[in-house]
């Protein structure tokens, strides 16, 4: 059974940084595309960053230059490094691998 578990969310001030982690079990990362998505209150879930099986990355315009998606095949982990955070980055962040979703981790950017 495939399971994705996110961690690393929390409360951070504007301009701060967080690193989200996604631990995968029951599968091996790198075979399919993976990604990070987010959903703010009252809004639809949106793509933040994706990484293809061969390592190509894609980012939403709103996070380009600030967020970085990465993968550690040895640890079966996916990460999202978030820098220069803004209040509008506040959302629940979800990890997705193939058709599987994690439960989400809350990120709140506020002073």
Foldseek 3Di string as FASTA:
>chain_A
DKAKAKDWADEAAAQAKIKMKIAIPPDFPLPAKKFKWWDDPPGDIGGAKIAGSVGDMDGDPVQPPFWDWDADRVRRMIMIIGGRDDQVVFTWMWMDTDHDIHPTDTHGYHD
